[in-house]
C-alpha atoms as a PDB file:
ATOM      1  CA  UNK A   1      30.268  30.267 -28.875  1.00  0.00           C
ATOM      2  CA  UNK A   2      29.212  33.595 -27.323  1.00  0.00           C
ATOM      3  CA  UNK A   3      28.023  33.940 -23.763  1.00  0.00           C
ATOM      4  CA  UNK A   4      24.863  36.094 -23.523  1.00  0.00           C
ATOM      5  CA  UNK A   5      25.337  39.359 -21.607  1.00  0.00           C
ATOM      6  CA  UNK A   6      21.759  39.306 -20.268  1.00  0.00           C
ATOM      7  CA  UNK A   7      19.111  36.757 -19.389  1.00  0.00           C
ATOM      8  CA  UNK A   8      16.834  35.683 -22.263  1.00  0.00           C
ATOM      9  CA  UNK A   9      13.891  38.064 -22.534  1.00  0.00           C
ATOM     10  CA  UNK A  10      15.789  40.908 -20.835  1.00  0.00           C
ATOM     11  CA  UNK A  11      14.848  43.380 -23.563  1.00  0.00           C
ATOM     12  CA  UNK A  12      11.126  42.842 -22.869  1.00  0.00           C
ATOM     13  CA  UNK A  13      11.543  44.151 -19.313  1.00  0.00           C
ATOM     14  CA  UNK A  14      14.460  46.607 -19.352  1.00  0.00           C
ATOM     15  CA  UNK A  15      12.102  49.645 -19.392  1.00  0.00           C
ATOM     16  CA  UNK A  16       9.686  48.204 -16.832  1.00  0.00           C
ATOM     17  CA  UNK A  17       8.690  50.620 -14.038  1.00  0.00           C
ATOM     18  CA  UNK A  18       6.936  49.995 -10.761  1.00  0.00           C
ATOM     19  CA  UNK A  19       4.399  52.300  -9.140  1.00  0.00           C
ATOM     20  CA  UNK A  20       3.007  52.414  -5.618  1.00  0.00           C
ATOM     21  CA  UNK A  21      -0.721  53.084  -5.659  1.00  0.00           C
ATOM     22  CA  UNK A  22      -3.292  53.242  -2.848  1.00  0.00           C
ATOM     23  CA  UNK A  23      -6.460  51.185  -3.182  1.00  0.00           C
ATOM     24  CA  UNK A  24      -9.323  53.681  -3.661  1.00  0.00           C
ATOM     25  CA  UNK A  25     -11.541  51.533  -1.373  1.00  0.00           C
ATOM     26  CA  UNK A  26      -9.391  50.873   1.717  1.00  0.00           C
ATOM     27  CA  UNK A  27      -6.135  52.794   1.193  1.00  0.00           C
ATOM     28  CA  UNK A  28      -3.762  49.793   1.166  1.00  0.00           C
ATOM     29  CA  UNK A  29      -0.660  50.494  -0.916  1.00  0.00           C
ATOM     30  CA  UNK A  30      -0.149  48.147  -3.833  1.00  0.00           C
ATOM     31  CA  UNK A  31       2.826  47.856  -6.160  1.00  0.00           C
ATOM     32  CA  UNK A  32       1.877  47.814  -9.840  1.00  0.00           C
ATOM     33  CA  UNK A  33       4.290  47.320 -12.722  1.00  0.00           C
ATOM     34  CA  UNK A  34       3.947  49.310 -15.926  1.00  0.00           C
ATOM     35  CA  UNK A  35       3.113  46.190 -17.964  1.00  0.00           C
ATOM     36  CA  UNK A  36       0.203  45.272 -15.633  1.00  0.00           C
ATOM     37  CA  UNK A  37      -2.098  48.294 -16.043  1.00  0.00           C
ATOM     38  CA  UNK A  38      -4.376  46.391 -18.418  1.00  0.00           C
ATOM     39  CA  UNK A  39      -4.708  43.388 -16.054  1.00  0.00           C
ATOM     40  CA  UNK A  40      -7.316  42.920 -13.353  1.00  0.00           C
ATOM     41  CA  UNK A  41      -5.990  43.471  -9.798  1.00  0.00           C
ATOM     42  CA  UNK A  42      -7.742  42.611  -6.556  1.00  0.00           C
ATOM     43  CA  UNK A  43      -6.749  44.373  -3.334  1.00  0.00           C
ATOM     44  CA  UNK A  44      -5.272  41.915  -0.844  1.00  0.00           C
ATOM     45  CA  UNK A  45      -6.887  43.732   2.107  1.00  0.00           C
ATOM     46  CA  UNK A  46     -10.474  44.501   1.035  1.00  0.00           C
ATOM     47  CA  UNK A  47     -10.721  42.014  -1.874  1.00  0.00           C
ATOM     48  CA  UNK A  48     -12.233  44.650  -4.187  1.00  0.00           C
ATOM     49  CA  UNK A  49     -11.059  45.238  -7.732  1.00  0.00           C
ATOM     50  CA  UNK A  50      -8.628  48.140  -8.086  1.00  0.00           C
ATOM     51  CA  UNK A  51      -9.620  50.529 -10.868  1.00  0.00           C
ATOM     52  CA  UNK A  52      -6.394  52.340 -11.763  1.00  0.00           C
ATOM     53  CA  UNK A  53      -8.358  55.214 -13.297  1.00  0.00           C
ATOM     54  CA  UNK A  54      -9.659  55.926  -9.775  1.00  0.00           C
ATOM     55  CA  UNK A  55      -6.325  55.360  -8.059  1.00  0.00           C
ATOM     56  CA  UNK A  56      -4.007  58.148  -6.942  1.00  0.00           C
ATOM     57  CA  UNK A  57      -0.370  57.663  -7.858  1.00  0.00           C
ATOM     58  CA  UNK A  58       1.677  57.849  -4.667  1.00  0.00           C
ATOM     59  CA  UNK A  59       5.199  57.456  -6.022  1.00  0.00           C
ATOM     60  CA  UNK A  60       7.446  55.503  -8.327  1.00  0.00           C
ATOM     61  CA  UNK A  61      10.439  53.256  -7.758  1.00  0.00           C
END
């Protein structure tokens, strides 16, 4: 019996990147992962939807 070298599903996330983006409405920084760009995000401060096409990329981690 072989012991897996990684957790199950590891390959789905090994190229995942995170981005810090400022809300275009209030300026609060929000962390977004590269697999979440097509999902709806609501800013925790102003409660408005974040449109990533309007958002300025501030940096990556």
